Amino acid sequence: MWWTVSAPAWLATALTLLDFGIRIVALGVVPGNRRPTTAMAWLLCIFFLPVPGIILFSLFGNHRLSEQRVQRQTEISKAVRENTGELNAETSSYSGPEWVLSAVELNRRLGSFPSLDGNNVELQRDYEESIRQMTEAVRGASRYVHVEFYIMSYDAVTHEFFAALKDAAARGVKVRLLFDHIGTLRVKGYRKLLKELEDSQIRWRRMLPIQPLRGHWRRPDLRNHRKILVVDGVIGFTGSQNLVEPGYRKPGNHRIGRKWVELMSRLEGPVVDEINVVFATDWNMETDENLEQELSLYEWTSKPGDITCQVVPSGPGFTTENNLRLFTSLLYSASERISITSPYFVPDDSLLYAITTAAQRGVQVELFVSERGDQFLVDHAQRSYYEGLLEAGIRIWQYPAPLVLHAKHFTVDSDVAVLGSSNMDMRSFSLNLEVSMMMFGGDIVEKMRRIEDTYRSLSKELILEEWKNRPVWQRYVDNVARLTATLQ
């Protein structure tokens, strides 16, 4: 009889049913709206460790922002399209290949921004010089300064920048500042940064805060990864660099001489308005304040340069993966040469097929990566792709350790350059809010190629036969890390 069954037997039966039930439910729930590789990785996790697996899935399985944020992003994108309806690709003076204009139309439909002629773009590789230029721009501000970076730190390299922000706010300039909560919290000196901000007249907010007691909760690794500075709507900066000293305030990095190598752009022209709208969108998300009255869209009476630019925002606030669709579209369009620089190259199947197919149809493809990455799992996941890339004919250049090549950009043929905050990994495609900028015309590709030439001169090429002979344990770790990279 059932009442004669001992307590341990009941417990064993209950646990067995729970284990079986979790697996059955997972089979029908986990694959929904996910890549097959991502779904399979989650299912393996749950099947091996049902209870811990389902807990992890409940915390990290949903890669969308709240419905409220998604709806607000949709409304803002619609407003941008309506307010720029007269600015179409056909009005551009650019006369390059048709596939470039096709990419422009793709970006327009997904991210809402048009392509705009007449921009000046200066590329800056020097880490401290980039911060110095941003500091000088802030010192010249007369109306407003908009600052948005994934990571911020008040330290020996950035203190002059923060002093300039404080001085600007004190003299009546509207200074608004955003930083990613978790990204910045992880860096030493977080409380010092907060004290400096609280002791100033700067208006600041955390982006995507994780504060359960204040009602702020979401998947913990959904992050705002953008890097933006706009001064008076006249000068803008964007690229890969965070506001922190180049060793990220880690004693271990300082001991071995590890520093981050970045690429930033200083912008003048109508494109500044577009990155300003991206900032205004994120400010609205965190404060509910509408900055529309301060945005003077495309009222430039003179054009400071000859480069056409188009900003492409992406992230979980969009229903489409804007950056991934742009990247794969451009790779499939290439006919001569592709040069990619990415610190974290962990592609999904669509991007992997695009880059290997390009090489297999005769396009010269090269990839610049760090010899040794700063994140263990990501670095090993990335390495798991090298053999397949090399076999497809892609040349891989490893930037020498202990430096970390953190720049994020690529060029296609002699026609297009893309620069921004987005890595070529599944995190940047699905989980991070990113901003990319597509550029063409003028001498922008030539400028970018000179930087790529510098990387190549400093790097060591990875040879297929040498790579195949790496220790078996390294191959094993690489493959396990590759599996974890798909847990989104």
Protein backbone atom coordinates (compact mmCIF):
# COMPACT_ATOMS: atom_id res chain seq x y z
CA MET A 1 0.00 0.00 0.00
CA TRP A 2 1.12 3.55 -0.69
CA TRP A 3 1.16 4.49 3.01
CA THR A 4 3.68 1.80 3.76
CA VAL A 5 6.32 3.32 1.48
CA SER A 6 9.20 4.75 3.52
CA ALA A 7 10.09 8.47 3.44
CA PRO A 8 13.39 7.91 1.57
CA ALA A 9 11.51 6.02 -1.13
CA TRP A 10 9.03 8.88 -1.46
CA LEU A 11 11.90 11.30 -1.72
CA ALA A 12 13.64 9.20 -4.37
CA THR A 13 10.39 8.92 -6.34
CA ALA A 14 9.75 12.67 -6.10
CA LEU A 15 13.27 13.51 -7.23
CA THR A 16 13.02 11.08 -10.12
CA LEU A 17 9.73 12.59 -11.27
CA LEU A 18 11.15 16.11 -10.88
CA ASP A 19 14.23 15.16 -12.89
CA PHE A 20 12.13 13.55 -15.62
CA GLY A 21 9.61 16.40 -15.64
CA ILE A 22 12.30 19.08 -16.00
CA ARG A 23 13.77 17.29 -19.03
CA ILE A 24 10.41 16.82 -20.73
CA VAL A 25 9.38 20.45 -20.18
CA ALA A 26 12.79 21.70 -21.33
CA LEU A 27 12.47 19.87 -24.65
CA GLY A 28 9.38 21.91 -25.51
CA VAL A 29 10.39 25.25 -23.97
CA VAL A 30 14.11 25.79 -24.52
CA PRO A 31 14.18 25.71 -28.37
CA GLY A 32 11.58 28.48 -28.67
CA ASN A 33 12.95 31.48 -30.67
CA ARG A 34 16.55 30.37 -30.18
CA ARG A 35 19.30 29.28 -32.52
CA PRO A 36 19.51 25.47 -32.69
CA THR A 37 23.08 25.56 -31.34
CA THR A 38 22.02 27.72 -28.40
CA ALA A 39 19.02 25.50 -27.66
CA MET A 40 21.16 22.37 -27.83
CA ALA A 41 23.72 23.82 -25.42
CA TRP A 42 21.01 24.70 -22.90
CA LEU A 43 19.40 21.26 -23.26
CA LEU A 44 22.73 19.53 -22.63
CA CYS A 45 23.22 21.65 -19.53
CA ILE A 46 19.74 20.82 -18.26
CA PHE A 47 19.99 17.11 -19.11
CA PHE A 48 23.32 16.73 -17.30
CA LEU A 49 22.33 18.90 -14.31
CA PRO A 50 18.54 19.26 -14.33
CA VAL A 51 17.99 21.41 -11.23
CA PRO A 52 21.06 23.70 -11.50
CA GLY A 53 20.52 23.81 -15.26
CA ILE A 54 16.93 25.01 -15.02
CA ILE A 55 17.94 27.61 -12.42
CA LEU A 56 20.65 28.93 -14.74
CA PHE A 57 18.20 28.91 -17.64
CA SER A 58 15.67 30.93 -15.63
CA LEU A 59 18.36 33.52 -14.87
CA PHE A 60 20.11 33.65 -18.24
CA GLY A 61 17.75 32.10 -20.77
CA ASN A 62 15.75 35.20 -21.66
CA HIS A 63 17.87 37.54 -23.80
CA ARG A 64 15.21 40.22 -24.31
CA LEU A 65 14.74 43.43 -22.40
CA SER A 66 11.42 44.20 -20.77
CA GLU A 67 8.39 44.67 -23.00
CA GLN A 68 8.30 48.31 -21.93
CA ARG A 69 11.85 48.94 -23.15
CA VAL A 70 11.29 47.07 -26.40
CA GLN A 71 8.12 49.06 -27.05
CA ARG A 72 9.87 52.34 -26.31
CA GLN A 73 12.71 51.44 -28.68
CA THR A 74 10.15 50.63 -31.38
CA GLU A 75 8.46 54.00 -30.89
CA ILE A 76 11.77 55.89 -31.04
CA SER A 77 12.84 54.04 -34.19
CA LYS A 78 9.52 54.91 -35.80
CA ALA A 79 9.96 58.58 -34.88
CA VAL A 80 13.46 58.61 -36.38
CA ARG A 81 12.17 57.14 -39.65
CA GLU A 82 9.34 59.67 -39.82
CA ASN A 83 11.59 62.65 -39.09
CA THR A 84 14.17 61.60 -41.68
CA GLY A 85 11.79 60.40 -44.38
CA GLU A 86 13.19 62.78 -46.97
CA LEU A 87 16.74 61.53 -46.49
CA ASN A 88 17.12 58.47 -48.69
CA ALA A 89 20.14 56.62 -50.04
CA GLU A 90 19.26 57.87 -53.52
CA THR A 91 20.00 61.47 -52.46
CA SER A 92 23.57 60.60 -51.51
CA SER A 93 26.38 61.68 -53.81
CA TYR A 94 28.05 58.30 -53.34
CA SER A 95 28.47 56.49 -56.64
CA GLY A 96 30.02 53.20 -55.54
CA PRO A 97 28.81 49.62 -55.97
CA GLU A 98 25.12 48.81 -55.75
CA TRP A 99 25.69 46.38 -52.88
CA VAL A 100 26.82 49.26 -50.67
CA LEU A 101 23.51 51.03 -51.23
CA SER A 102 21.75 47.75 -50.55
CA ALA A 103 23.49 47.58 -47.17
CA VAL A 104 22.44 51.18 -46.52
CA GLU A 105 18.81 50.23 -47.15
CA LEU A 106 19.14 47.21 -44.84
CA ASN A 107 20.48 49.43 -42.05
CA ARG A 108 17.76 51.98 -42.68
CA ARG A 109 15.01 49.40 -42.29
CA LEU A 110 16.51 47.75 -39.22
CA GLY A 111 18.08 50.65 -37.32
CA SER A 112 16.07 53.54 -38.86
CA PHE A 113 19.00 55.90 -39.52
CA PRO A 114 19.76 57.14 -43.06
CA SER A 115 23.24 57.42 -44.57
CA LEU A 116 24.58 60.98 -44.48
CA ASP A 117 27.22 62.67 -46.64
CA GLY A 118 29.71 65.34 -45.61
CA ASN A 119 31.37 63.89 -42.51
CA ASN A 120 34.93 64.15 -41.30
CA VAL A 121 36.29 61.06 -39.54
CA GLU A 122 39.62 61.01 -37.74
CA LEU A 123 40.83 57.61 -36.50
CA GLN A 124 42.85 57.50 -33.29
CA ARG A 125 44.90 54.46 -32.20
CA ASP A 126 46.77 56.12 -29.34
CA TYR A 127 44.92 55.30 -26.11
CA GLU A 128 45.83 58.33 -24.02
CA GLU A 129 45.69 60.70 -26.99
CA SER A 130 42.13 59.64 -27.61
CA ILE A 131 41.18 60.55 -24.04
CA ARG A 132 43.07 63.83 -24.37
CA GLN A 133 41.08 64.71 -27.50
CA MET A 134 37.82 63.90 -25.75
CA THR A 135 38.91 66.06 -22.80
CA GLU A 136 39.69 69.01 -25.08
CA ALA A 137 36.31 68.66 -26.76
CA VAL A 138 34.55 68.77 -23.38
CA ARG A 139 36.53 71.85 -22.36
CA GLY A 140 35.18 73.64 -25.42
CA ALA A 141 31.54 72.73 -24.73
CA SER A 142 29.02 75.56 -24.52
CA ARG A 143 25.59 73.85 -24.49
CA TYR A 144 25.74 70.18 -23.55
CA VAL A 145 27.94 67.11 -23.21
CA HIS A 146 26.57 63.57 -23.57
CA VAL A 147 28.77 60.78 -22.23
CA GLU A 148 27.95 57.07 -22.51
CA PHE A 149 30.49 54.30 -21.91
CA TYR A 150 30.27 50.67 -20.91
CA ILE A 151 33.07 51.07 -18.36
CA MET A 152 34.14 54.20 -16.52
CA SER A 153 36.85 54.72 -13.95
CA TYR A 154 38.22 57.77 -12.18
CA ASP A 155 41.97 57.12 -12.40
CA ALA A 156 45.31 58.61 -13.38
CA VAL A 157 44.50 58.47 -17.10
CA THR A 158 40.87 59.67 -16.99
CA HIS A 159 40.89 62.19 -14.12
CA GLU A 160 41.47 65.17 -16.44
CA PHE A 161 38.46 64.10 -18.51
CA PHE A 162 36.25 63.98 -15.42
CA ALA A 163 37.67 67.32 -14.26
CA ALA A 164 36.65 68.80 -17.61
CA LEU A 165 33.14 67.35 -17.19
CA LYS A 166 32.84 68.83 -13.69
CA ASP A 167 34.08 72.23 -14.88
CA ALA A 168 31.64 72.20 -17.80
CA ALA A 169 28.71 71.37 -15.52
CA ALA A 170 29.77 74.07 -13.06
CA ARG A 171 29.71 76.74 -15.77
CA GLY A 172 26.19 75.82 -16.85
CA VAL A 173 26.77 73.24 -19.56
CA LYS A 174 24.25 70.39 -19.37
CA VAL A 175 26.37 67.31 -18.73
CA ARG A 176 24.58 63.98 -18.89
CA LEU A 177 26.48 60.78 -18.20
CA LEU A 178 25.60 57.09 -18.53
CA PHE A 179 27.65 54.05 -17.57
CA ASP A 180 26.79 50.37 -17.53
CA HIS A 181 26.10 49.29 -13.98
CA ILE A 182 27.73 45.85 -13.94
CA GLY A 183 30.47 46.71 -16.45
CA THR A 184 31.66 49.63 -14.31
CA LEU A 185 31.00 47.98 -10.95
CA ARG A 186 33.51 45.25 -11.77
CA VAL A 187 36.37 47.74 -12.12
CA LYS A 188 38.37 48.79 -9.07
CA GLY A 189 37.50 52.25 -7.76
CA TYR A 190 33.74 52.15 -8.35
CA ARG A 191 32.95 54.00 -5.11
CA LYS A 192 35.54 56.67 -5.92
CA LEU A 193 33.82 57.23 -9.28
CA LEU A 194 30.41 57.57 -7.60
CA LYS A 195 31.80 60.07 -5.09
CA GLU A 196 33.29 62.20 -7.86
CA LEU A 197 29.98 62.21 -9.72
CA GLU A 198 27.93 62.92 -6.59
CA ASP A 199 30.21 65.85 -5.71
CA SER A 200 29.60 67.44 -9.10
CA GLN A 201 26.69 68.98 -10.99
CA ILE A 202 26.83 66.18 -13.57
CA ARG A 203 23.54 64.37 -14.13
CA TRP A 204 24.29 60.67 -14.24
CA ARG A 205 22.58 57.30 -14.31
CA ARG A 206 23.50 53.63 -14.30
CA MET A 207 22.48 51.77 -17.45
CA LEU A 208 20.59 48.48 -17.05
CA PRO A 209 21.01 48.55 -13.26
CA ILE A 210 20.73 45.33 -11.27
CA GLN A 211 19.13 46.51 -8.01
CA PRO A 212 16.47 44.00 -6.93
CA LEU A 213 15.54 45.95 -3.79
CA ARG A 214 14.73 48.96 -5.98
CA GLY A 215 12.77 46.96 -8.51
CA HIS A 216 15.56 46.85 -11.12
CA TRP A 217 16.02 43.28 -12.27
CA ARG A 218 16.65 41.53 -15.59
CA ARG A 219 18.96 38.90 -16.98
CA PRO A 220 22.26 39.93 -15.29
CA ASP A 221 24.44 39.71 -18.39
CA LEU A 222 22.31 41.96 -20.62
CA ARG A 223 24.63 44.92 -20.84
CA ASN A 224 24.89 48.32 -22.57
CA HIS A 225 28.25 48.05 -24.32
CA ARG A 226 28.16 51.34 -26.27
CA LYS A 227 30.89 53.99 -26.27
CA ILE A 228 29.67 57.49 -27.17
CA LEU A 229 30.64 61.10 -26.52
CA VAL A 230 28.79 64.05 -28.08
CA VAL A 231 29.69 67.70 -27.48
CA ASP A 232 27.18 70.39 -28.47
CA GLY A 233 25.95 68.17 -31.32
CA VAL A 234 29.06 69.28 -33.24
CA ILE A 235 31.81 66.84 -32.23
CA GLY A 236 31.33 63.15 -31.56
CA PHE A 237 33.43 60.17 -30.58
CA THR A 238 32.70 56.46 -30.87
CA GLY A 239 34.65 53.23 -31.18
CA SER A 240 35.95 50.48 -28.91
CA GLN A 241 37.57 52.34 -26.02
CA ASN A 242 36.24 52.56 -22.47
CA LEU A 243 36.94 55.40 -20.04
CA VAL A 244 39.54 53.62 -17.93
CA GLU A 245 43.32 53.39 -17.82
CA PRO A 246 44.67 50.90 -20.41
CA GLY A 247 45.37 48.14 -17.84
CA TYR A 248 41.80 48.26 -16.48
CA ARG A 249 43.11 48.86 -12.95
CA LYS A 250 44.05 45.22 -12.47
CA PRO A 251 47.38 44.60 -10.68
CA GLY A 252 47.82 41.36 -12.60
CA ASN A 253 47.63 43.24 -15.90
CA HIS A 254 50.13 45.81 -14.66
CA ARG A 255 52.58 43.13 -13.54
CA ILE A 256 52.75 41.51 -16.97
CA GLY A 257 52.43 44.73 -18.97
CA ARG A 258 48.98 43.90 -20.38
CA LYS A 259 47.32 46.92 -21.99
CA TRP A 260 44.32 47.33 -24.24
CA VAL A 261 44.84 48.49 -27.85
CA GLU A 262 41.85 50.45 -29.14
CA LEU A 263 40.52 52.39 -32.11
CA MET A 264 38.33 55.44 -31.66
CA SER A 265 36.90 57.91 -34.16
CA ARG A 266 36.52 61.67 -33.79
CA LEU A 267 33.53 62.81 -35.84
CA GLU A 268 32.27 66.05 -37.29
CA GLY A 269 29.26 66.35 -39.54
CA PRO A 270 25.67 65.10 -39.68
CA VAL A 271 26.60 61.65 -38.32
CA VAL A 272 27.11 63.30 -34.92
CA ASP A 273 23.35 63.82 -34.81
CA GLU A 274 22.79 60.11 -35.25
CA ILE A 275 25.01 58.99 -32.39
CA ASN A 276 23.39 61.75 -30.32
CA VAL A 277 19.99 60.15 -30.97
CA VAL A 278 21.41 56.82 -29.74
CA PHE A 279 22.50 58.54 -26.53
CA ALA A 280 19.14 60.29 -26.17
CA THR A 281 17.39 56.94 -26.55
CA ASP A 282 19.45 55.35 -23.79
CA TRP A 283 19.01 58.42 -21.57
CA ASN A 284 15.26 58.20 -22.05
CA MET A 285 15.31 54.51 -21.17
CA GLU A 286 17.00 55.21 -17.84
CA THR A 287 15.39 58.53 -16.86
CA ASP A 288 12.11 58.85 -18.83
CA GLU A 289 13.37 62.29 -19.90
CA ASN A 290 12.78 63.22 -23.54
CA LEU A 291 15.70 65.11 -25.12
CA GLU A 292 13.97 65.64 -28.46
CA GLN A 293 13.94 69.44 -28.08
CA GLU A 294 17.74 69.46 -27.79
CA LEU A 295 18.34 67.34 -30.88
CA SER A 296 18.92 69.49 -33.94
CA LEU A 297 18.77 66.79 -36.58
CA TYR A 298 20.73 67.34 -39.79
CA GLU A 299 20.78 71.15 -39.66
CA TRP A 300 24.35 71.40 -40.86
CA THR A 301 24.85 74.37 -43.19
CA SER A 302 28.34 73.23 -44.16
CA LYS A 303 29.82 69.79 -44.56
CA PRO A 304 33.20 69.34 -42.82
CA GLY A 305 34.27 66.26 -44.80
CA ASP A 306 33.62 63.90 -47.72
CA ILE A 307 32.82 60.64 -45.92
CA THR A 308 29.34 59.11 -45.90
CA CYS A 309 28.36 57.55 -42.57
CA GLN A 310 25.43 55.58 -41.21
CA VAL A 311 24.92 54.65 -37.57
CA VAL A 312 23.58 51.18 -36.78
CA PRO A 313 22.29 50.63 -33.23
CA SER A 314 21.67 47.05 -32.14
CA GLY A 315 20.81 45.03 -29.09
CA PRO A 316 18.03 43.20 -27.26
CA GLY A 317 15.81 46.29 -27.54
CA PHE A 318 15.41 45.46 -31.23
CA THR A 319 13.52 42.45 -32.52
CA THR A 320 16.25 41.86 -35.14
CA GLU A 321 20.01 41.41 -34.73
CA ASN A 322 20.95 44.54 -36.66
CA ASN A 323 24.73 44.24 -36.39
CA LEU A 324 24.79 40.55 -37.34
CA ARG A 325 22.62 41.15 -40.40
CA LEU A 326 24.82 44.03 -41.55
CA PHE A 327 28.04 42.09 -41.02
CA THR A 328 26.90 38.98 -42.88
CA SER A 329 25.43 41.07 -45.72
CA LEU A 330 28.73 42.88 -46.24
CA LEU A 331 30.78 39.68 -46.08
CA TYR A 332 28.64 38.02 -48.73
CA SER A 333 29.00 41.14 -50.93
CA ALA A 334 32.81 41.17 -50.89
CA SER A 335 34.63 40.32 -54.09
CA GLU A 336 38.26 41.18 -53.34
CA ARG A 337 39.29 41.56 -49.72
CA ILE A 338 37.98 41.41 -46.15
CA SER A 339 40.02 42.47 -43.13
CA ILE A 340 38.45 41.90 -39.70
CA THR A 341 39.70 43.02 -36.29
CA SER A 342 37.84 41.58 -33.32
CA PRO A 343 39.01 40.81 -29.77
CA TYR A 344 36.26 38.24 -29.34
CA PHE A 345 35.54 36.27 -32.51
CA VAL A 346 32.94 33.65 -31.59
CA PRO A 347 30.59 33.62 -34.61
CA ASP A 348 27.19 32.07 -34.92
CA ASP A 349 26.61 29.73 -37.87
CA SER A 350 25.44 32.49 -40.21
CA LEU A 351 28.55 34.63 -39.72
CA LEU A 352 30.84 31.60 -39.83
CA TYR A 353 29.33 30.54 -43.16
CA ALA A 354 29.60 34.08 -44.53
CA ILE A 355 33.30 34.47 -43.73
CA THR A 356 34.35 30.98 -44.80
CA THR A 357 32.27 31.15 -47.97
CA ALA A 358 33.96 34.43 -48.87
CA ALA A 359 37.39 32.81 -48.56
CA GLN A 360 36.30 29.72 -50.49
CA ARG A 361 35.12 31.82 -53.43
CA GLY A 362 38.50 33.54 -53.71
CA VAL A 363 38.15 36.64 -51.53
CA GLN A 364 41.28 37.43 -49.54
CA VAL A 365 40.16 37.23 -45.91
CA GLU A 366 42.27 38.04 -42.87
CA LEU A 367 41.42 38.13 -39.18
CA PHE A 368 43.34 40.08 -36.53
CA VAL A 369 43.03 38.72 -32.98
CA SER A 370 45.03 38.81 -29.78
CA GLU A 371 47.69 36.18 -29.23
CA ARG A 372 46.28 35.76 -25.73
CA GLY A 373 42.86 37.06 -24.75
CA ASP A 374 41.88 38.54 -21.41
CA GLN A 375 38.84 36.28 -20.84
CA PHE A 376 39.59 32.57 -20.39
CA LEU A 377 36.39 31.00 -21.74
CA VAL A 378 35.93 33.46 -24.61
CA ASP A 379 39.57 33.15 -25.62
CA HIS A 380 39.36 29.36 -25.75
CA ALA A 381 35.98 29.41 -27.50
CA GLN A 382 37.50 31.67 -30.13
CA ARG A 383 40.45 29.34 -30.58
CA SER A 384 38.10 26.44 -31.31
CA TYR A 385 37.23 28.12 -34.64
CA TYR A 386 40.78 28.68 -35.85
CA GLU A 387 41.32 25.32 -37.52
CA GLY A 388 38.16 25.60 -39.63
CA LEU A 389 38.97 29.19 -40.56
CA LEU A 390 42.51 28.31 -41.60
CA GLU A 391 41.32 25.34 -43.63
CA ALA A 392 38.91 27.65 -45.48
CA GLY A 393 41.87 29.83 -46.50
CA ILE A 394 41.50 32.64 -43.97
CA ARG A 395 44.74 34.15 -42.70
CA ILE A 396 44.83 34.71 -38.93
CA TRP A 397 47.20 37.27 -37.43
CA GLN A 398 47.87 37.19 -33.69
CA TYR A 399 48.64 40.54 -32.07
CA PRO A 400 51.51 40.00 -29.61
CA ALA A 401 50.83 39.31 -25.93
CA PRO A 402 50.62 40.74 -23.36
CA LEU A 403 48.76 43.43 -25.32
CA VAL A 404 45.04 42.91 -25.94
CA LEU A 405 43.85 44.01 -29.37
CA HIS A 406 40.44 45.31 -28.29
CA ALA A 407 39.67 47.36 -31.46
CA LYS A 408 36.52 46.36 -33.34
CA HIS A 409 36.36 47.13 -37.04
CA PHE A 410 36.52 45.66 -40.53
CA THR A 411 36.89 46.69 -44.16
CA VAL A 412 35.31 45.19 -47.27
CA ASP A 413 37.03 45.59 -50.67
CA SER A 414 38.02 49.23 -51.18
CA ASP A 415 34.52 50.41 -50.48
CA VAL A 416 33.32 50.05 -46.88
CA ALA A 417 34.67 50.35 -43.36
CA VAL A 418 32.74 49.50 -40.20
CA LEU A 419 33.78 50.67 -36.74
CA GLY A 420 32.08 50.53 -33.37
CA SER A 421 31.58 48.79 -30.06
CA SER A 422 30.41 45.44 -31.42
CA ASN A 423 32.51 42.32 -31.22
CA MET A 424 31.94 39.49 -33.67
CA ASP A 425 30.49 37.15 -31.10
CA MET A 426 27.08 35.91 -30.09
CA ARG A 427 27.05 38.12 -27.00
CA SER A 428 27.36 41.29 -29.10
CA PHE A 429 24.72 40.04 -31.53
CA SER A 430 22.07 39.11 -28.97
CA LEU A 431 22.83 40.31 -25.45
CA ASN A 432 24.66 43.64 -25.62
CA LEU A 433 23.37 47.03 -26.69
CA GLU A 434 25.93 48.07 -29.32
CA VAL A 435 26.52 50.88 -31.77
CA SER A 436 28.29 50.45 -35.11
CA MET A 437 29.06 52.95 -37.84
CA MET A 438 29.29 52.06 -41.53
CA MET A 439 31.50 54.42 -43.54
CA PHE A 440 32.27 54.80 -47.23
CA GLY A 441 33.55 57.40 -49.67
CA GLY A 442 36.49 59.73 -49.24
CA ASP A 443 39.64 58.06 -47.94
CA ILE A 444 38.15 56.25 -44.96
CA VAL A 445 38.93 52.71 -46.20
CA GLU A 446 42.49 53.76 -47.00
CA LYS A 447 42.87 55.16 -43.47
CA MET A 448 41.58 51.95 -41.98
CA ARG A 449 43.82 49.83 -44.19
CA ARG A 450 46.88 51.69 -42.92
CA ILE A 451 45.89 50.71 -39.38
CA GLU A 452 45.39 47.11 -40.48
CA ASP A 453 48.84 47.22 -42.08
CA THR A 454 50.27 48.28 -38.72
CA TYR A 455 48.58 45.35 -36.99
CA ARG A 456 49.98 42.97 -39.58
CA SER A 457 53.52 44.30 -39.19
CA LEU A 458 53.37 43.68 -35.44
CA SER A 459 51.57 40.33 -35.50
CA LYS A 460 52.56 36.72 -36.04
CA GLU A 461 50.64 34.66 -38.58
CA LEU A 462 49.03 31.47 -37.35
CA ILE A 463 49.99 28.45 -39.47
CA LEU A 464 47.54 25.59 -39.91
CA GLU A 465 50.00 22.73 -39.44
CA GLU A 466 51.43 24.31 -36.30
CA TRP A 467 47.96 24.89 -34.92
CA LYS A 468 46.91 21.28 -35.53
CA ASN A 469 49.87 20.11 -33.44
CA ARG A 470 48.82 21.99 -30.30
CA PRO A 471 48.42 19.81 -27.17
CA VAL A 472 45.32 17.63 -26.92
CA TRP A 473 44.30 19.19 -23.60
CA GLN A 474 44.17 22.64 -25.25
CA ARG A 475 41.91 21.32 -27.97
CA TYR A 476 39.65 19.79 -25.32
CA VAL A 477 39.40 23.06 -23.37
CA ASP A 478 38.73 24.98 -26.59
CA ASN A 479 35.84 22.71 -27.50
CA VAL A 480 34.26 22.84 -24.04
CA ALA A 481 34.55 26.64 -24.06
CA ARG A 482 32.91 26.72 -27.49
CA LEU A 483 29.90 24.92 -26.07
CA THR A 484 29.56 27.37 -23.18
CA ALA A 485 29.72 30.31 -25.60
CA THR A 486 26.35 29.33 -27.04
CA LEU A 487 24.57 29.38 -23.67
CA GLN A 488 22.52 32.53 -24.28
